[in-house]
């Protein structure tokens, strides 16, 4: 019994996944001692706006946003706490409204890596103060993302955001 539990815990840790998914920001791999990365993007022009004035997209760490409304993620203000692995916790702050979100995915476990060879674009309506969590989903050989209410981890997101902003934009 103890060996089985230890194997399950080690497998969970090594794959970067939690045993139980909360379908929110905390599901993404944490920054655990510089192993994983944390990211925050301001997908709008201008100064940082309060959480209450923007909408936020988070991902499970496997979904990688490529663009918002046709603008590459590299064109937005980015805050990063880099780790050994590029995967980690993502939060993308957006103006309220409808947005075209282009995304891909990358994941690995037990030494096997897989990634998308094509992107998926979804239209998302984002409201002020809303948190939309995107999680990788597969069906019949195709992939997409599922959307969940990610607001339960707002305090964690705010703490991460404050720490990232304190390090400065990259």
N, C-alpha and C. Protein backbone atom coordinates (compact mmCIF):
# COMPACT_ATOMS: atom_id res chain seq x y z
N UNK A 1 0.83 -1.20 0.00
CA UNK A 1 0.00 0.00 0.00
C UNK A 1 0.87 1.25 0.00
N UNK A 2 1.87 1.29 0.89
CA UNK A 2 2.74 2.47 0.96
C UNK A 2 3.54 2.63 -0.32
N UNK A 3 4.00 1.51 -0.90
CA UNK A 3 4.77 1.59 -2.14
C UNK A 3 3.91 2.11 -3.29
N UNK A 4 2.67 1.64 -3.35
CA UNK A 4 1.76 2.10 -4.41
C UNK A 4 1.52 3.59 -4.31
N UNK A 5 1.26 4.08 -3.11
CA UNK A 5 1.03 5.50 -2.90
C UNK A 5 2.27 6.31 -3.28
N UNK A 6 3.45 5.83 -2.90
CA UNK A 6 4.69 6.52 -3.23
C UNK A 6 4.89 6.57 -4.74
N UNK A 7 4.62 5.48 -5.45
CA UNK A 7 4.75 5.45 -6.90
C UNK A 7 3.78 6.44 -7.54
N UNK A 8 2.54 6.49 -7.06
CA UNK A 8 1.57 7.45 -7.59
C UNK A 8 2.00 8.88 -7.36
N UNK A 9 2.51 9.18 -6.18
CA UNK A 9 2.97 10.54 -5.88
C UNK A 9 4.17 10.92 -6.74
N UNK A 10 5.11 10.00 -6.89
CA UNK A 10 6.28 10.28 -7.73
C UNK A 10 5.89 10.46 -9.19
N UNK A 11 4.97 9.65 -9.68
CA UNK A 11 4.51 9.79 -11.07
C UNK A 11 3.82 11.12 -11.26
N UNK A 12 3.03 11.50 -10.30
CA UNK A 12 2.34 12.79 -10.39
C UNK A 12 3.34 13.94 -10.39
N UNK A 13 4.33 13.90 -9.52
CA UNK A 13 5.33 14.95 -9.44
C UNK A 13 6.15 15.02 -10.71
N UNK A 14 6.59 13.88 -11.22
CA UNK A 14 7.47 13.89 -12.39
C UNK A 14 6.75 14.34 -13.65
N UNK A 15 5.44 14.13 -13.72
CA UNK A 15 4.73 14.57 -14.92
C UNK A 15 4.25 16.00 -14.81
N UNK A 16 4.43 16.60 -13.63
CA UNK A 16 4.01 17.98 -13.45
C UNK A 16 2.52 18.14 -13.29
N UNK A 17 1.81 17.06 -13.01
CA UNK A 17 0.36 17.10 -12.91
C UNK A 17 -0.07 16.83 -11.49
N UNK A 18 -1.16 17.41 -11.11
CA UNK A 18 -1.76 17.12 -9.83
C UNK A 18 -2.58 15.85 -9.96
N UNK A 19 -2.74 15.12 -8.87
CA UNK A 19 -3.55 13.92 -8.90
C UNK A 19 -5.01 14.27 -9.17
N UNK A 20 -5.50 15.31 -8.51
CA UNK A 20 -6.87 15.77 -8.74
C UNK A 20 -6.81 17.13 -9.42
N UNK A 21 -7.60 17.30 -10.45
CA UNK A 21 -7.60 18.56 -11.18
C UNK A 21 -8.70 19.47 -10.66
N UNK A 22 -8.34 20.72 -10.41
CA UNK A 22 -9.32 21.69 -9.98
C UNK A 22 -9.85 22.50 -11.16
N UNK A 23 -9.29 22.25 -12.35
CA UNK A 23 -9.67 22.96 -13.57
C UNK A 23 -9.51 24.47 -13.41
N UNK A 24 -8.36 24.85 -12.87
CA UNK A 24 -8.06 26.26 -12.70
C UNK A 24 -6.54 26.46 -12.70
N UNK A 25 -6.12 27.68 -12.47
CA UNK A 25 -4.72 28.10 -12.52
C UNK A 25 -3.79 27.20 -11.72
N UNK A 26 -4.26 26.67 -10.59
CA UNK A 26 -3.40 25.85 -9.74
C UNK A 26 -3.10 24.49 -10.35
N UNK A 27 -3.80 24.09 -11.42
CA UNK A 27 -3.50 22.82 -12.09
C UNK A 27 -2.20 22.87 -12.87
N UNK A 28 -1.83 24.05 -13.34
CA UNK A 28 -0.59 24.18 -14.12
C UNK A 28 0.58 23.90 -13.20
N UNK A 29 1.68 23.40 -13.76
CA UNK A 29 2.83 23.11 -12.91
C UNK A 29 3.28 24.36 -12.15
N UNK A 30 3.48 24.24 -10.85
CA UNK A 30 3.96 25.39 -10.09
C UNK A 30 5.42 25.67 -10.41
N UNK A 31 5.93 26.78 -9.94
CA UNK A 31 7.31 27.17 -10.24
C UNK A 31 8.31 26.40 -9.39
N UNK A 32 7.88 25.44 -8.63
CA UNK A 32 8.66 24.59 -7.73
C UNK A 32 10.18 24.77 -7.83
N UNK A 33 10.71 25.69 -7.09
CA UNK A 33 12.15 25.82 -7.00
C UNK A 33 12.85 25.96 -8.32
N UNK A 34 12.33 26.77 -9.20
CA UNK A 34 12.96 27.09 -10.49
C UNK A 34 12.87 25.95 -11.51
N UNK A 35 11.99 24.98 -11.30
CA UNK A 35 11.83 23.92 -12.30
C UNK A 35 10.93 24.39 -13.43
N UNK A 36 9.77 24.94 -13.10
CA UNK A 36 8.82 25.42 -14.09
C UNK A 36 8.82 26.94 -14.13
N UNK A 37 8.24 27.49 -15.17
CA UNK A 37 8.19 28.94 -15.35
C UNK A 37 6.81 29.49 -15.02
N UNK A 38 6.77 30.80 -14.77
CA UNK A 38 5.51 31.52 -14.61
C UNK A 38 5.52 32.67 -15.60
N UNK A 39 4.36 32.92 -16.19
CA UNK A 39 4.24 33.97 -17.21
C UNK A 39 3.01 34.82 -16.95
N UNK A 40 3.11 36.09 -17.27
CA UNK A 40 1.95 36.98 -17.32
C UNK A 40 2.13 37.88 -18.54
N UNK A 41 1.08 38.00 -19.32
CA UNK A 41 1.09 38.85 -20.51
C UNK A 41 0.01 39.91 -20.36
N UNK A 42 0.31 41.11 -20.81
CA UNK A 42 -0.69 42.17 -20.93
C UNK A 42 -1.06 42.23 -22.40
N UNK A 43 -2.17 41.60 -22.76
CA UNK A 43 -2.59 41.54 -24.17
C UNK A 43 -3.43 42.77 -24.52
N UNK A 44 -2.90 43.91 -24.14
CA UNK A 44 -3.50 45.21 -24.46
C UNK A 44 -2.38 46.23 -24.39
N UNK A 45 -2.62 47.39 -24.94
CA UNK A 45 -1.62 48.46 -24.92
C UNK A 45 -1.80 49.32 -23.67
N UNK A 46 -0.72 49.92 -23.22
CA UNK A 46 -0.80 50.83 -22.09
C UNK A 46 -0.30 50.23 -20.79
N UNK A 47 -0.63 50.93 -19.72
CA UNK A 47 -0.17 50.55 -18.39
C UNK A 47 -0.95 49.36 -17.84
N UNK A 48 -0.42 48.79 -16.78
CA UNK A 48 -1.08 47.68 -16.08
C UNK A 48 -2.40 48.17 -15.52
N UNK A 49 -3.44 47.38 -15.74
CA UNK A 49 -4.77 47.71 -15.24
C UNK A 49 -5.13 46.77 -14.09
N UNK A 50 -5.96 47.23 -13.16
CA UNK A 50 -6.37 46.38 -12.04
C UNK A 50 -7.10 45.12 -12.53
N UNK A 51 -6.98 44.05 -11.77
CA UNK A 51 -7.63 42.78 -12.10
C UNK A 51 -9.13 42.97 -12.35
N UNK A 52 -9.75 43.89 -11.63
CA UNK A 52 -11.19 44.09 -11.74
C UNK A 52 -11.59 44.72 -13.07
N UNK A 53 -10.64 45.31 -13.80
CA UNK A 53 -10.94 45.99 -15.06
C UNK A 53 -10.63 45.16 -16.30
N UNK A 54 -9.99 44.02 -16.11
CA UNK A 54 -9.62 43.18 -17.24
C UNK A 54 -10.21 41.78 -17.06
N UNK A 55 -10.16 41.00 -18.13
CA UNK A 55 -10.45 39.58 -18.05
C UNK A 55 -9.13 38.84 -18.13
N UNK A 56 -9.11 37.62 -17.64
CA UNK A 56 -7.85 36.86 -17.60
C UNK A 56 -8.09 35.47 -18.17
N UNK A 57 -7.15 35.02 -18.98
CA UNK A 57 -7.12 33.64 -19.46
C UNK A 57 -5.95 32.96 -18.78
N UNK A 58 -6.19 31.78 -18.21
CA UNK A 58 -5.12 30.94 -17.68
C UNK A 58 -5.16 29.62 -18.43
N UNK A 59 -4.06 28.86 -18.34
CA UNK A 59 -4.03 27.57 -19.02
C UNK A 59 -3.53 26.50 -18.06
N UNK A 60 -3.69 25.26 -18.49
CA UNK A 60 -3.23 24.13 -17.69
C UNK A 60 -1.73 23.90 -17.83
N UNK A 61 -1.02 24.77 -18.52
CA UNK A 61 0.42 24.61 -18.71
C UNK A 61 0.76 23.87 -19.99
N UNK A 62 -0.21 23.16 -20.56
CA UNK A 62 0.02 22.46 -21.82
C UNK A 62 -0.46 23.30 -23.00
N UNK A 63 -1.50 24.09 -22.79
CA UNK A 63 -1.99 25.00 -23.82
C UNK A 63 -1.07 26.22 -23.84
N UNK A 64 -0.59 26.57 -25.02
CA UNK A 64 0.25 27.75 -25.19
C UNK A 64 -0.46 28.69 -26.15
N UNK A 65 -0.77 29.88 -25.68
CA UNK A 65 -1.40 30.87 -26.55
C UNK A 65 -0.36 31.39 -27.53
N UNK A 66 -0.74 31.45 -28.81
CA UNK A 66 0.16 31.93 -29.86
C UNK A 66 -0.14 33.37 -30.23
N UNK A 67 -1.47 33.70 -30.24
CA UNK A 67 -1.83 35.08 -30.59
C UNK A 67 -3.20 35.42 -30.01
N UNK A 68 -3.44 36.72 -29.88
CA UNK A 68 -4.73 37.26 -29.46
C UNK A 68 -5.14 38.28 -30.52
N UNK A 69 -6.28 38.05 -31.13
CA UNK A 69 -6.80 38.94 -32.17
C UNK A 69 -5.78 39.19 -33.28
N UNK A 70 -5.04 38.14 -33.63
CA UNK A 70 -4.08 38.23 -34.72
C UNK A 70 -2.72 38.79 -34.33
N UNK A 71 -2.57 39.27 -33.10
CA UNK A 71 -1.28 39.79 -32.63
C UNK A 71 -0.52 38.69 -31.90
N UNK A 72 0.70 38.42 -32.33
CA UNK A 72 1.53 37.39 -31.69
C UNK A 72 1.76 37.72 -30.22
N UNK A 73 1.82 36.70 -29.39
CA UNK A 73 2.06 36.90 -27.95
C UNK A 73 3.36 37.66 -27.72
N UNK A 74 4.33 37.50 -28.61
CA UNK A 74 5.61 38.20 -28.46
C UNK A 74 5.48 39.71 -28.60
N UNK A 75 4.35 40.18 -29.11
CA UNK A 75 4.17 41.63 -29.28
C UNK A 75 3.60 42.29 -28.02
N UNK A 76 3.23 41.51 -27.03
CA UNK A 76 2.64 42.04 -25.80
C UNK A 76 3.68 42.16 -24.69
N UNK A 77 3.39 43.00 -23.71
CA UNK A 77 4.25 43.09 -22.53
C UNK A 77 4.22 41.75 -21.81
N UNK A 78 5.42 41.25 -21.50
CA UNK A 78 5.55 39.91 -20.91
C UNK A 78 6.35 40.00 -19.61
N UNK A 79 5.86 39.31 -18.60
CA UNK A 79 6.56 39.15 -17.34
C UNK A 79 6.82 37.66 -17.18
N UNK A 80 8.05 37.31 -16.78
CA UNK A 80 8.38 35.89 -16.71
C UNK A 80 9.32 35.62 -15.55
N UNK A 81 9.06 34.53 -14.88
CA UNK A 81 9.98 33.98 -13.89
C UNK A 81 10.39 32.64 -14.46
N UNK A 82 11.55 32.58 -15.10
CA UNK A 82 11.96 31.42 -15.86
C UNK A 82 12.47 30.28 -15.02
N UNK A 83 12.14 29.09 -15.46
CA UNK A 83 12.61 27.88 -14.84
C UNK A 83 13.33 27.02 -15.87
N UNK A 84 13.64 25.80 -15.50
CA UNK A 84 14.29 24.88 -16.42
C UNK A 84 13.37 24.46 -17.56
N UNK A 85 12.07 24.38 -17.28
CA UNK A 85 11.09 23.99 -18.27
C UNK A 85 10.26 25.21 -18.67
N UNK A 86 9.94 25.29 -19.95
CA UNK A 86 9.13 26.42 -20.43
C UNK A 86 7.69 26.32 -19.95
N UNK A 87 7.18 25.11 -19.75
CA UNK A 87 5.80 24.96 -19.28
C UNK A 87 5.66 25.54 -17.89
N UNK A 88 4.48 25.96 -17.57
CA UNK A 88 4.24 26.51 -16.25
C UNK A 88 2.90 27.18 -16.16
N UNK A 89 2.83 28.16 -15.30
CA UNK A 89 1.57 28.87 -15.08
C UNK A 89 1.52 30.12 -15.97
N UNK A 90 0.44 30.22 -16.74
CA UNK A 90 0.23 31.34 -17.66
C UNK A 90 -0.99 32.13 -17.22
N UNK A 91 -0.87 33.44 -17.27
CA UNK A 91 -2.04 34.31 -17.14
C UNK A 91 -1.92 35.40 -18.17
N UNK A 92 -2.98 35.57 -18.94
CA UNK A 92 -3.02 36.56 -20.01
C UNK A 92 -4.14 37.54 -19.69
N UNK A 93 -3.79 38.79 -19.49
CA UNK A 93 -4.74 39.84 -19.14
C UNK A 93 -5.22 40.52 -20.42
N UNK A 94 -6.57 40.64 -20.57
CA UNK A 94 -7.17 41.19 -21.79
C UNK A 94 -8.21 42.24 -21.45
N UNK A 95 -8.43 43.14 -22.41
CA UNK A 95 -9.55 44.06 -22.31
C UNK A 95 -10.83 43.24 -22.41
N UNK A 96 -11.89 43.64 -21.73
CA UNK A 96 -13.16 42.93 -21.89
C UNK A 96 -13.63 42.99 -23.34
N UNK A 97 -14.29 41.93 -23.79
CA UNK A 97 -14.81 41.87 -25.14
C UNK A 97 -14.59 40.51 -25.76
N UNK A 98 -14.91 40.41 -27.05
CA UNK A 98 -14.73 39.15 -27.77
C UNK A 98 -13.32 39.12 -28.38
N UNK A 99 -12.66 38.00 -28.23
CA UNK A 99 -11.28 37.86 -28.71
C UNK A 99 -11.09 36.55 -29.47
N UNK A 100 -10.27 36.60 -30.52
CA UNK A 100 -9.84 35.40 -31.23
C UNK A 100 -8.54 34.94 -30.59
N UNK A 101 -8.56 33.76 -30.00
CA UNK A 101 -7.41 33.22 -29.29
C UNK A 101 -6.84 32.05 -30.09
N UNK A 102 -5.62 32.21 -30.59
CA UNK A 102 -4.95 31.14 -31.33
C UNK A 102 -4.03 30.42 -30.35
N UNK A 103 -4.11 29.09 -30.36
CA UNK A 103 -3.32 28.32 -29.39
C UNK A 103 -2.77 27.04 -30.00
N UNK A 104 -1.73 26.55 -29.35
CA UNK A 104 -1.15 25.25 -29.65
C UNK A 104 -0.97 24.53 -28.32
N UNK A 105 -0.36 23.36 -28.35
CA UNK A 105 -0.08 22.67 -27.10
C UNK A 105 1.24 21.94 -27.17
N UNK A 106 1.79 21.69 -26.01
CA UNK A 106 2.97 20.85 -25.84
C UNK A 106 2.85 20.17 -24.49
N UNK A 107 3.15 18.90 -24.46
CA UNK A 107 3.11 18.18 -23.18
C UNK A 107 4.12 17.05 -23.21
N UNK A 108 4.49 16.64 -22.05
CA UNK A 108 5.42 15.52 -21.93
C UNK A 108 5.18 14.77 -20.64
N UNK A 109 5.38 13.47 -20.72
CA UNK A 109 5.32 12.64 -19.52
C UNK A 109 6.07 11.35 -19.80
N UNK A 110 6.72 10.85 -18.79
CA UNK A 110 7.48 9.60 -18.90
C UNK A 110 8.45 9.63 -20.08
N UNK A 111 9.06 10.80 -20.32
CA UNK A 111 10.07 10.92 -21.36
C UNK A 111 9.52 11.04 -22.77
N UNK A 112 8.20 11.13 -22.94
CA UNK A 112 7.59 11.25 -24.26
C UNK A 112 7.02 12.65 -24.40
N UNK A 113 7.40 13.33 -25.48
CA UNK A 113 6.89 14.67 -25.74
C UNK A 113 5.91 14.61 -26.91
N UNK A 114 4.86 15.40 -26.80
CA UNK A 114 3.94 15.55 -27.94
C UNK A 114 3.58 17.03 -28.04
N UNK A 115 3.28 17.47 -29.25
CA UNK A 115 2.95 18.86 -29.46
C UNK A 115 2.04 18.98 -30.68
N UNK A 116 1.39 20.10 -30.78
CA UNK A 116 0.48 20.34 -31.90
C UNK A 116 1.28 20.72 -33.14
N UNK A 117 0.84 20.23 -34.28
CA UNK A 117 1.46 20.64 -35.55
C UNK A 117 0.61 21.70 -36.23
N UNK A 118 -0.60 21.90 -35.71
CA UNK A 118 -1.48 22.95 -36.19
C UNK A 118 -1.99 23.72 -34.97
N UNK A 119 -2.53 24.89 -35.22
CA UNK A 119 -3.09 25.67 -34.14
C UNK A 119 -4.62 25.62 -34.22
N UNK A 120 -5.24 25.97 -33.12
CA UNK A 120 -6.69 26.09 -33.04
C UNK A 120 -6.99 27.52 -32.65
N UNK A 121 -7.98 28.12 -33.30
CA UNK A 121 -8.41 29.47 -32.93
C UNK A 121 -9.82 29.39 -32.38
N UNK A 122 -10.00 29.96 -31.19
CA UNK A 122 -11.32 30.00 -30.55
C UNK A 122 -11.71 31.44 -30.30
N UNK A 123 -13.00 31.70 -30.43
CA UNK A 123 -13.56 33.00 -30.07
C UNK A 123 -14.00 32.91 -28.61
N UNK A 124 -13.48 33.82 -27.79
CA UNK A 124 -13.85 33.85 -26.38
C UNK A 124 -14.38 35.23 -26.02
N UNK A 125 -15.49 35.24 -25.30
CA UNK A 125 -16.04 36.49 -24.77
C UNK A 125 -15.52 36.61 -23.34
N UNK A 126 -14.77 37.67 -23.08
CA UNK A 126 -14.16 37.89 -21.78
C UNK A 126 -14.80 39.12 -21.14
N UNK A 127 -15.26 38.97 -19.92
CA UNK A 127 -15.88 40.07 -19.17
C UNK A 127 -14.90 40.62 -18.14
N UNK A 128 -15.17 41.83 -17.66
CA UNK A 128 -14.36 42.42 -16.59
C UNK A 128 -14.37 41.49 -15.38
N UNK A 129 -13.18 41.26 -14.83
CA UNK A 129 -13.05 40.45 -13.63
C UNK A 129 -13.21 38.95 -13.84
N UNK A 130 -13.46 38.51 -15.07
CA UNK A 130 -13.66 37.09 -15.35
C UNK A 130 -12.33 36.38 -15.55
N UNK A 131 -12.25 35.14 -15.09
CA UNK A 131 -11.08 34.30 -15.34
C UNK A 131 -11.56 33.06 -16.10
N UNK A 132 -11.03 32.88 -17.32
CA UNK A 132 -11.34 31.71 -18.13
C UNK A 132 -10.10 30.81 -18.12
N UNK A 133 -10.28 29.59 -17.66
CA UNK A 133 -9.17 28.63 -17.63
C UNK A 133 -9.32 27.68 -18.81
N UNK A 134 -8.26 27.54 -19.61
CA UNK A 134 -8.24 26.64 -20.77
C UNK A 134 -7.46 25.39 -20.44
N UNK A 135 -8.04 24.26 -20.79
CA UNK A 135 -7.41 22.97 -20.53
C UNK A 135 -7.40 22.15 -21.81
N UNK A 136 -6.32 21.43 -22.05
CA UNK A 136 -6.18 20.59 -23.23
C UNK A 136 -7.24 19.49 -23.23
N UNK A 137 -7.88 19.29 -24.39
CA UNK A 137 -8.87 18.23 -24.56
C UNK A 137 -8.62 17.54 -25.89
N UNK A 138 -8.82 16.23 -25.91
CA UNK A 138 -8.64 15.45 -27.15
C UNK A 138 -9.89 14.62 -27.41
N UNK A 139 -10.17 14.46 -28.70
CA UNK A 139 -11.29 13.62 -29.09
C UNK A 139 -11.06 13.13 -30.52
N UNK A 140 -11.07 11.82 -30.70
CA UNK A 140 -10.96 11.21 -32.04
C UNK A 140 -9.77 11.72 -32.83
N UNK A 141 -8.62 11.78 -32.20
CA UNK A 141 -7.40 12.17 -32.88
C UNK A 141 -7.23 13.66 -33.09
N UNK A 142 -8.15 14.46 -32.59
CA UNK A 142 -8.04 15.92 -32.72
C UNK A 142 -7.93 16.52 -31.33
N UNK A 143 -7.42 17.72 -31.29
CA UNK A 143 -7.30 18.39 -29.99
C UNK A 143 -8.00 19.74 -30.04
N UNK A 144 -8.34 20.22 -28.88
CA UNK A 144 -8.93 21.54 -28.71
C UNK A 144 -8.71 21.95 -27.26
N UNK A 145 -9.40 22.96 -26.84
CA UNK A 145 -9.33 23.34 -25.43
C UNK A 145 -10.74 23.36 -24.86
N UNK A 146 -10.82 23.06 -23.57
CA UNK A 146 -12.07 23.20 -22.84
C UNK A 146 -11.96 24.43 -21.97
N UNK A 147 -13.08 25.07 -21.73
CA UNK A 147 -13.10 26.29 -20.92
C UNK A 147 -13.76 26.02 -19.57
N UNK A 148 -13.17 26.59 -18.53
CA UNK A 148 -13.69 26.45 -17.18
C UNK A 148 -13.60 27.79 -16.46
N UNK A 149 -14.41 27.96 -15.43
CA UNK A 149 -14.33 29.14 -14.57
C UNK A 149 -13.08 29.00 -13.72
N UNK A 150 -12.12 29.89 -13.90
CA UNK A 150 -10.85 29.80 -13.19
C UNK A 150 -10.73 30.77 -12.03
N UNK A 151 -11.84 31.34 -11.61
CA UNK A 151 -11.78 32.42 -10.61
C UNK A 151 -11.39 31.95 -9.21
N UNK A 152 -11.46 30.66 -8.91
CA UNK A 152 -11.18 30.22 -7.55
C UNK A 152 -9.74 30.45 -7.13
N UNK A 153 -8.83 30.58 -8.08
CA UNK A 153 -7.41 30.79 -7.76
C UNK A 153 -6.98 32.24 -7.95
N UNK A 154 -7.92 33.16 -7.88
CA UNK A 154 -7.61 34.57 -8.11
C UNK A 154 -6.54 35.11 -7.15
N UNK A 155 -6.60 34.72 -5.89
CA UNK A 155 -5.60 35.19 -4.92
C UNK A 155 -4.20 34.71 -5.31
N UNK A 156 -4.08 33.46 -5.76
CA UNK A 156 -2.79 32.92 -6.20
C UNK A 156 -2.30 33.66 -7.44
N UNK A 157 -3.21 33.92 -8.38
CA UNK A 157 -2.84 34.64 -9.60
C UNK A 157 -2.34 36.04 -9.27
N UNK A 158 -3.04 36.73 -8.37
CA UNK A 158 -2.63 38.08 -7.99
C UNK A 158 -1.24 38.06 -7.34
N UNK A 159 -0.99 37.10 -6.46
CA UNK A 159 0.32 37.00 -5.81
C UNK A 159 1.42 36.74 -6.84
N UNK A 160 1.18 35.81 -7.76
CA UNK A 160 2.15 35.52 -8.82
C UNK A 160 2.37 36.76 -9.68
N UNK A 161 1.28 37.45 -10.04
CA UNK A 161 1.39 38.63 -10.89
C UNK A 161 2.23 39.72 -10.22
N UNK A 162 1.97 39.97 -8.95
CA UNK A 162 2.73 40.99 -8.22
C UNK A 162 4.21 40.63 -8.19
N UNK A 163 4.54 39.36 -7.97
CA UNK A 163 5.94 38.92 -7.95
C UNK A 163 6.59 39.08 -9.33
N UNK A 164 5.84 38.75 -10.38
CA UNK A 164 6.37 38.88 -11.74
C UNK A 164 6.59 40.34 -12.11
N UNK A 165 5.64 41.19 -11.79
CA UNK A 165 5.79 42.62 -12.11
C UNK A 165 6.96 43.22 -11.36
N UNK A 166 7.19 42.77 -10.12
CA UNK A 166 8.32 43.28 -9.33
C UNK A 166 9.65 42.95 -10.01
N UNK A 167 9.72 41.84 -10.78
CA UNK A 167 10.94 41.48 -11.49
C UNK A 167 11.12 42.30 -12.77
N UNK A 168 10.02 42.87 -13.27
CA UNK A 168 10.10 43.70 -14.47
C UNK A 168 9.72 42.95 -15.73
N UNK A 169 9.34 43.72 -16.73
CA UNK A 169 8.94 43.17 -18.02
C UNK A 169 10.16 42.65 -18.77
N UNK A 170 9.92 41.68 -19.65
CA UNK A 170 11.01 41.13 -20.46
C UNK A 170 10.77 41.37 -21.92
